[in-house]
């Protein structure tokens, strides 16, 4: 019953045909991209050694960590804070766990590298240079 009410409360809308087509393609692409990221993240969780926060070494990337890493393919070095999606702000250096980079960094420790796909599926070697924990 709630579903019917919410649909009835929405006004009729109009869209330009070419825009509707383009938006559909965009939405389907994003859905596929997000599904791929979810699968990658779930795979990382499955293979992780799970422990309490107190037992976690301080040089391991966790949520809220400030991570400096290099990307061998692009030759760049970045420092980002790994955050939940609601707090992501790329301009402020806060990267969501639900991005390819975010999902690739979680759980790695200083000195470790991982081959990880970007949004286009191209693999990059990401190497952890430094990890700072929240409040540390």
N, C-alpha and C. Protein backbone atom coordinates (compact mmCIF):
# COMPACT_ATOMS: atom_id res chain seq x y z
N UNK A 1 0.82 -1.18 0.00
CA UNK A 1 0.00 0.00 0.00
C UNK A 1 0.87 1.25 0.00
N UNK A 2 1.95 1.27 0.73
CA UNK A 2 2.85 2.42 0.76
C UNK A 2 3.44 2.67 -0.62
N UNK A 3 3.78 1.58 -1.31
CA UNK A 3 4.36 1.70 -2.64
C UNK A 3 3.40 2.43 -3.59
N UNK A 4 2.13 2.08 -3.54
CA UNK A 4 1.13 2.72 -4.38
C UNK A 4 0.99 4.19 -4.05
N UNK A 5 1.01 4.52 -2.76
CA UNK A 5 0.90 5.91 -2.35
C UNK A 5 2.08 6.73 -2.86
N UNK A 6 3.30 6.20 -2.74
CA UNK A 6 4.46 6.96 -3.17
C UNK A 6 4.46 7.16 -4.68
N UNK A 7 4.03 6.16 -5.43
CA UNK A 7 3.94 6.31 -6.87
C UNK A 7 2.87 7.33 -7.24
N UNK A 8 1.76 7.29 -6.55
CA UNK A 8 0.68 8.23 -6.84
C UNK A 8 1.09 9.66 -6.49
N UNK A 9 1.97 9.82 -5.51
CA UNK A 9 2.39 11.15 -5.09
C UNK A 9 3.38 11.78 -6.07
N UNK A 10 3.96 10.99 -6.93
CA UNK A 10 4.92 11.53 -7.89
C UNK A 10 4.19 12.15 -9.06
N UNK A 11 4.61 13.33 -9.46
CA UNK A 11 3.95 13.98 -10.59
C UNK A 11 4.36 13.36 -11.92
N UNK A 12 3.56 13.52 -12.93
CA UNK A 12 3.90 13.08 -14.28
C UNK A 12 5.08 13.91 -14.76
N UNK A 13 6.00 13.28 -15.46
CA UNK A 13 7.16 14.01 -15.97
C UNK A 13 7.31 13.78 -17.46
N UNK A 14 8.15 14.58 -18.10
CA UNK A 14 8.42 14.46 -19.52
C UNK A 14 9.94 14.47 -19.72
N UNK A 15 10.39 13.73 -20.73
CA UNK A 15 11.81 13.72 -21.07
C UNK A 15 11.97 13.76 -22.58
N UNK A 16 13.07 14.35 -23.02
CA UNK A 16 13.41 14.34 -24.45
C UNK A 16 13.93 12.95 -24.79
N UNK A 17 13.53 12.42 -25.93
CA UNK A 17 13.87 11.05 -26.29
C UNK A 17 15.36 10.77 -26.26
N UNK A 18 16.15 11.66 -26.85
CA UNK A 18 17.60 11.42 -26.89
C UNK A 18 18.21 11.49 -25.49
N UNK A 19 17.67 12.38 -24.65
CA UNK A 19 18.17 12.47 -23.28
C UNK A 19 17.78 11.22 -22.49
N UNK A 20 16.58 10.73 -22.68
CA UNK A 20 16.13 9.52 -22.00
C UNK A 20 17.02 8.34 -22.39
N UNK A 21 17.36 8.24 -23.68
CA UNK A 21 18.24 7.17 -24.15
C UNK A 21 19.61 7.29 -23.51
N UNK A 22 20.14 8.48 -23.48
CA UNK A 22 21.48 8.70 -22.92
C UNK A 22 21.49 8.44 -21.41
N UNK A 23 20.45 8.88 -20.72
CA UNK A 23 20.35 8.64 -19.28
C UNK A 23 20.21 7.15 -18.97
N UNK A 24 19.48 6.44 -19.82
CA UNK A 24 19.34 4.99 -19.65
C UNK A 24 20.69 4.31 -19.78
N UNK A 25 21.45 4.68 -20.81
CA UNK A 25 22.79 4.12 -21.01
C UNK A 25 23.69 4.43 -19.83
N UNK A 26 23.63 5.67 -19.34
CA UNK A 26 24.44 6.08 -18.20
C UNK A 26 24.09 5.26 -16.96
N UNK A 27 22.80 5.12 -16.70
CA UNK A 27 22.35 4.37 -15.52
C UNK A 27 22.76 2.90 -15.62
N UNK A 28 22.63 2.30 -16.79
CA UNK A 28 23.02 0.90 -16.97
C UNK A 28 24.52 0.73 -16.81
N UNK A 29 25.29 1.69 -17.33
CA UNK A 29 26.75 1.64 -17.19
C UNK A 29 27.13 1.75 -15.72
N UNK A 30 26.54 2.69 -15.00
CA UNK A 30 26.84 2.87 -13.58
C UNK A 30 26.44 1.64 -12.77
N UNK A 31 25.29 1.05 -13.14
CA UNK A 31 24.83 -0.15 -12.44
C UNK A 31 25.87 -1.26 -12.62
N UNK A 32 26.35 -1.43 -13.84
CA UNK A 32 27.35 -2.46 -14.12
C UNK A 32 28.64 -2.15 -13.36
N UNK A 33 29.06 -0.89 -13.38
CA UNK A 33 30.28 -0.47 -12.69
C UNK A 33 30.17 -0.72 -11.19
N UNK A 34 29.05 -0.32 -10.60
CA UNK A 34 28.86 -0.53 -9.16
C UNK A 34 28.80 -2.01 -8.82
N UNK A 35 28.12 -2.81 -9.64
CA UNK A 35 28.07 -4.25 -9.40
C UNK A 35 29.48 -4.85 -9.41
N UNK A 36 30.33 -4.38 -10.34
CA UNK A 36 31.71 -4.86 -10.43
C UNK A 36 32.48 -4.48 -9.17
N UNK A 37 32.31 -3.23 -8.70
CA UNK A 37 32.99 -2.78 -7.49
C UNK A 37 32.50 -3.59 -6.29
N UNK A 38 31.19 -3.80 -6.19
CA UNK A 38 30.65 -4.60 -5.09
C UNK A 38 31.27 -5.99 -5.09
N UNK A 39 31.37 -6.60 -6.27
CA UNK A 39 31.94 -7.94 -6.38
C UNK A 39 33.41 -7.94 -5.95
N UNK A 40 34.16 -6.92 -6.38
CA UNK A 40 35.56 -6.82 -6.00
C UNK A 40 35.70 -6.65 -4.48
N UNK A 41 34.89 -5.77 -3.91
CA UNK A 41 34.95 -5.52 -2.47
C UNK A 41 34.56 -6.77 -1.68
N UNK A 42 33.50 -7.44 -2.09
CA UNK A 42 33.09 -8.67 -1.41
C UNK A 42 34.18 -9.74 -1.51
N UNK A 43 34.86 -9.79 -2.64
CA UNK A 43 35.97 -10.73 -2.80
C UNK A 43 37.10 -10.43 -1.84
N UNK A 44 37.39 -9.14 -1.63
CA UNK A 44 38.43 -8.75 -0.68
C UNK A 44 38.02 -9.11 0.75
N UNK A 45 36.76 -8.90 1.09
CA UNK A 45 36.28 -9.25 2.42
C UNK A 45 36.39 -10.76 2.64
N UNK A 46 36.03 -11.53 1.61
CA UNK A 46 36.10 -13.00 1.72
C UNK A 46 37.52 -13.50 1.97
N UNK A 47 38.51 -12.86 1.37
CA UNK A 47 39.88 -13.35 1.50
C UNK A 47 40.65 -12.73 2.66
N UNK A 48 40.03 -11.76 3.35
CA UNK A 48 40.70 -11.05 4.44
C UNK A 48 40.77 -11.89 5.71
N UNK A 49 41.84 -11.69 6.47
CA UNK A 49 41.93 -12.22 7.83
C UNK A 49 41.21 -11.19 8.70
N UNK A 50 40.13 -11.58 9.34
CA UNK A 50 39.29 -10.67 10.11
C UNK A 50 39.77 -10.64 11.57
N UNK A 51 39.91 -9.44 12.12
CA UNK A 51 40.33 -9.31 13.53
C UNK A 51 39.68 -8.07 14.14
N UNK A 52 39.81 -7.92 15.44
CA UNK A 52 39.24 -6.75 16.12
C UNK A 52 40.09 -5.51 15.81
N UNK A 53 39.52 -4.34 16.04
CA UNK A 53 40.26 -3.09 15.81
C UNK A 53 41.51 -3.05 16.69
N UNK A 54 41.40 -3.52 17.93
CA UNK A 54 42.54 -3.52 18.84
C UNK A 54 43.69 -4.39 18.34
N UNK A 55 43.36 -5.46 17.63
CA UNK A 55 44.39 -6.38 17.13
C UNK A 55 44.92 -5.98 15.75
N UNK A 56 44.33 -4.97 15.14
CA UNK A 56 44.73 -4.55 13.79
C UNK A 56 46.05 -3.77 13.84
N UNK A 57 47.05 -4.20 13.07
CA UNK A 57 48.29 -3.42 13.01
C UNK A 57 48.01 -2.01 12.50
N UNK A 58 48.74 -1.04 13.00
CA UNK A 58 48.48 0.37 12.65
C UNK A 58 48.89 0.71 11.22
N UNK A 59 49.67 -0.17 10.57
CA UNK A 59 50.09 0.13 9.20
C UNK A 59 49.19 -0.52 8.15
N UNK A 60 47.98 -0.94 8.57
CA UNK A 60 47.02 -1.55 7.65
C UNK A 60 45.93 -0.52 7.32
N UNK A 61 45.56 -0.44 6.05
CA UNK A 61 44.52 0.49 5.60
C UNK A 61 43.17 0.00 6.11
N UNK A 62 42.50 0.85 6.90
CA UNK A 62 41.17 0.58 7.40
C UNK A 62 40.30 1.79 7.06
N UNK A 63 39.03 1.69 7.34
CA UNK A 63 38.14 2.83 7.11
C UNK A 63 38.61 4.01 7.98
N UNK A 64 38.72 5.18 7.36
CA UNK A 64 39.17 6.38 8.06
C UNK A 64 40.67 6.59 7.98
N UNK A 65 41.41 5.60 7.47
CA UNK A 65 42.86 5.76 7.34
C UNK A 65 43.18 6.82 6.30
N UNK A 66 44.29 7.52 6.53
CA UNK A 66 44.85 8.41 5.52
C UNK A 66 45.99 7.63 4.89
N UNK A 67 45.88 7.38 3.60
CA UNK A 67 46.77 6.47 2.89
C UNK A 67 47.53 7.21 1.80
N UNK A 68 48.82 7.02 1.78
CA UNK A 68 49.63 7.50 0.67
C UNK A 68 50.00 6.28 -0.14
N UNK A 69 49.71 6.33 -1.44
CA UNK A 69 50.00 5.19 -2.31
C UNK A 69 50.49 5.69 -3.65
N UNK A 70 51.19 4.80 -4.34
CA UNK A 70 51.65 5.14 -5.69
C UNK A 70 50.92 4.25 -6.69
N UNK A 71 50.78 4.77 -7.88
CA UNK A 71 50.20 4.03 -8.99
C UNK A 71 51.31 3.89 -10.02
N UNK A 72 51.84 2.68 -10.13
CA UNK A 72 52.97 2.43 -11.01
C UNK A 72 52.66 2.77 -12.47
N UNK A 73 51.45 2.50 -12.90
CA UNK A 73 51.07 2.71 -14.30
C UNK A 73 51.09 4.19 -14.68
N UNK A 74 50.58 5.04 -13.78
CA UNK A 74 50.53 6.47 -14.09
C UNK A 74 51.72 7.23 -13.54
N UNK A 75 52.47 6.59 -12.64
CA UNK A 75 53.62 7.26 -12.03
C UNK A 75 53.23 8.31 -11.01
N UNK A 76 51.99 8.25 -10.54
CA UNK A 76 51.52 9.25 -9.58
C UNK A 76 51.55 8.71 -8.16
N UNK A 77 51.58 9.65 -7.23
CA UNK A 77 51.47 9.32 -5.82
C UNK A 77 50.34 10.17 -5.27
N UNK A 78 49.45 9.55 -4.50
CA UNK A 78 48.30 10.27 -3.93
C UNK A 78 48.18 9.97 -2.45
N UNK A 79 47.62 10.92 -1.74
CA UNK A 79 47.27 10.72 -0.34
C UNK A 79 45.77 10.96 -0.23
N UNK A 80 45.06 9.97 0.29
CA UNK A 80 43.61 10.05 0.40
C UNK A 80 43.17 9.49 1.74
N UNK A 81 41.98 9.88 2.16
CA UNK A 81 41.34 9.28 3.33
C UNK A 81 40.28 8.32 2.82
N UNK A 82 40.28 7.10 3.31
CA UNK A 82 39.31 6.09 2.88
C UNK A 82 38.05 6.22 3.74
N UNK A 83 36.92 6.51 3.09
CA UNK A 83 35.69 6.81 3.82
C UNK A 83 34.50 6.02 3.27
N UNK A 84 33.41 6.03 4.05
CA UNK A 84 32.14 5.49 3.57
C UNK A 84 31.57 6.46 2.54
N UNK A 85 30.71 5.96 1.63
CA UNK A 85 30.23 6.79 0.52
C UNK A 85 29.64 8.15 0.92
N UNK A 86 28.93 8.23 2.01
CA UNK A 86 28.29 9.49 2.40
C UNK A 86 29.31 10.60 2.70
N UNK A 87 30.55 10.22 3.00
CA UNK A 87 31.57 11.20 3.37
C UNK A 87 32.58 11.46 2.25
N UNK A 88 32.38 10.83 1.12
CA UNK A 88 33.32 10.98 0.01
C UNK A 88 33.29 12.41 -0.54
N UNK A 89 34.46 12.91 -0.83
CA UNK A 89 34.63 14.24 -1.44
C UNK A 89 36.01 14.26 -2.06
N UNK A 90 36.09 13.97 -3.34
CA UNK A 90 37.38 13.83 -4.00
C UNK A 90 38.20 15.11 -3.90
N UNK A 91 37.54 16.28 -3.94
CA UNK A 91 38.27 17.54 -3.83
C UNK A 91 38.94 17.69 -2.47
N UNK A 92 38.36 17.09 -1.45
CA UNK A 92 38.92 17.14 -0.09
C UNK A 92 39.82 15.92 0.19
N UNK A 93 40.00 15.06 -0.82
CA UNK A 93 40.87 13.90 -0.66
C UNK A 93 40.22 12.74 0.07
N UNK A 94 38.89 12.72 0.13
CA UNK A 94 38.18 11.62 0.78
C UNK A 94 37.60 10.70 -0.29
N UNK A 95 38.12 9.48 -0.36
CA UNK A 95 37.75 8.51 -1.39
C UNK A 95 36.83 7.45 -0.80
N UNK A 96 35.73 7.19 -1.48
CA UNK A 96 34.77 6.19 -1.04
C UNK A 96 35.32 4.78 -1.19
N UNK A 97 34.96 3.94 -0.24
CA UNK A 97 35.27 2.51 -0.32
C UNK A 97 34.59 1.89 -1.54
N UNK A 98 33.53 2.51 -2.03
CA UNK A 98 32.80 1.99 -3.19
C UNK A 98 33.30 2.59 -4.50
N UNK A 99 34.61 2.86 -4.57
CA UNK A 99 35.28 3.21 -5.82
C UNK A 99 36.32 2.13 -6.07
N UNK A 100 36.77 1.98 -7.29
CA UNK A 100 37.80 0.96 -7.52
C UNK A 100 39.04 1.17 -6.65
N UNK A 101 39.52 2.40 -6.52
CA UNK A 101 40.70 2.66 -5.71
C UNK A 101 40.42 2.33 -4.25
N UNK A 102 39.30 2.78 -3.73
CA UNK A 102 38.96 2.52 -2.33
C UNK A 102 38.89 1.04 -2.02
N UNK A 103 38.21 0.29 -2.87
CA UNK A 103 38.09 -1.16 -2.66
C UNK A 103 39.44 -1.85 -2.79
N UNK A 104 40.33 -1.30 -3.60
CA UNK A 104 41.66 -1.89 -3.77
C UNK A 104 42.60 -1.64 -2.61
N UNK A 105 42.42 -0.51 -1.91
CA UNK A 105 43.33 -0.14 -0.83
C UNK A 105 43.02 -0.84 0.49
N UNK A 106 41.76 -1.12 0.75
CA UNK A 106 41.35 -1.65 2.06
C UNK A 106 42.11 -2.93 2.39
N UNK A 107 42.65 -2.99 3.60
CA UNK A 107 43.31 -4.19 4.08
C UNK A 107 44.79 -4.33 3.76
N UNK A 108 45.29 -3.50 2.85
CA UNK A 108 46.72 -3.57 2.53
C UNK A 108 47.53 -2.89 3.63
N UNK A 109 48.79 -3.28 3.76
CA UNK A 109 49.66 -2.64 4.75
C UNK A 109 50.82 -1.96 4.02
N UNK A 110 51.49 -1.09 4.73
CA UNK A 110 52.62 -0.35 4.18
C UNK A 110 53.59 -1.31 3.48
N UNK A 111 53.95 -0.96 2.25
CA UNK A 111 54.89 -1.76 1.45
C UNK A 111 54.22 -2.77 0.54
N UNK A 112 52.96 -3.11 0.79
CA UNK A 112 52.28 -4.07 -0.07
C UNK A 112 51.79 -3.42 -1.35
N UNK A 113 51.70 -4.23 -2.40
CA UNK A 113 51.17 -3.80 -3.70
C UNK A 113 50.06 -4.73 -4.12
N UNK A 114 49.19 -4.21 -4.97
CA UNK A 114 48.12 -5.02 -5.53
C UNK A 114 47.88 -4.59 -6.97
N UNK A 115 47.66 -5.55 -7.84
CA UNK A 115 47.20 -5.24 -9.20
C UNK A 115 45.70 -5.08 -9.11
N UNK A 116 45.18 -3.92 -9.51
CA UNK A 116 43.77 -3.62 -9.29
C UNK A 116 43.20 -2.88 -10.48
N UNK A 117 41.98 -3.24 -10.91
CA UNK A 117 41.39 -2.57 -12.07
C UNK A 117 40.86 -1.18 -11.74
N UNK A 118 40.96 -0.29 -12.73
CA UNK A 118 40.33 1.03 -12.59
C UNK A 118 38.91 0.95 -13.14
N UNK A 119 38.26 2.08 -13.27
CA UNK A 119 36.87 2.10 -13.76
C UNK A 119 36.72 1.51 -15.16
N UNK A 120 37.79 1.58 -15.95
CA UNK A 120 37.73 1.06 -17.31
C UNK A 120 38.20 -0.39 -17.41
N UNK A 121 38.55 -0.99 -16.27
CA UNK A 121 39.00 -2.38 -16.27
C UNK A 121 40.50 -2.54 -16.50
N UNK A 122 41.24 -1.43 -16.67
CA UNK A 122 42.69 -1.51 -16.85
C UNK A 122 43.35 -1.70 -15.49
N UNK A 123 44.29 -2.65 -15.42
CA UNK A 123 44.95 -2.92 -14.15
C UNK A 123 46.06 -1.93 -13.86
N UNK A 124 46.13 -1.55 -12.59
CA UNK A 124 47.18 -0.66 -12.08
C UNK A 124 47.82 -1.35 -10.89
N UNK A 125 49.13 -1.16 -10.72
CA UNK A 125 49.79 -1.66 -9.51
C UNK A 125 49.79 -0.51 -8.51
N UNK A 126 49.01 -0.71 -7.43
CA UNK A 126 48.93 0.26 -6.35
C UNK A 126 49.84 -0.22 -5.23
N UNK A 127 50.71 0.67 -4.74
CA UNK A 127 51.63 0.32 -3.67
C UNK A 127 51.43 1.27 -2.50
N UNK A 128 51.24 0.70 -1.31
CA UNK A 128 51.02 1.51 -0.11
C UNK A 128 52.37 2.04 0.38
N UNK A 129 52.45 3.36 0.50
CA UNK A 129 53.67 4.02 0.97
C UNK A 129 53.57 4.34 2.45
N UNK A 130 52.40 4.81 2.89
CA UNK A 130 52.23 5.20 4.29
C UNK A 130 50.76 5.08 4.69
N UNK A 131 50.52 4.75 5.94
CA UNK A 131 49.17 4.66 6.48
C UNK A 131 49.15 5.39 7.81
N UNK A 132 48.21 6.31 7.95
CA UNK A 132 47.98 6.99 9.23
C UNK A 132 46.56 6.68 9.66
N UNK A 133 46.42 6.23 10.90
CA UNK A 133 45.10 5.90 11.43
C UNK A 133 44.40 7.14 11.95
N UNK A 134 43.06 7.11 11.98
CA UNK A 134 42.31 8.27 12.50
C UNK A 134 42.77 8.61 13.92
N UNK A 135 42.99 9.89 14.14
CA UNK A 135 43.40 10.35 15.46
C UNK A 135 44.85 10.05 15.78
N UNK A 136 45.59 9.50 14.79
CA UNK A 136 46.97 9.10 15.06
C UNK A 136 48.00 9.97 14.49
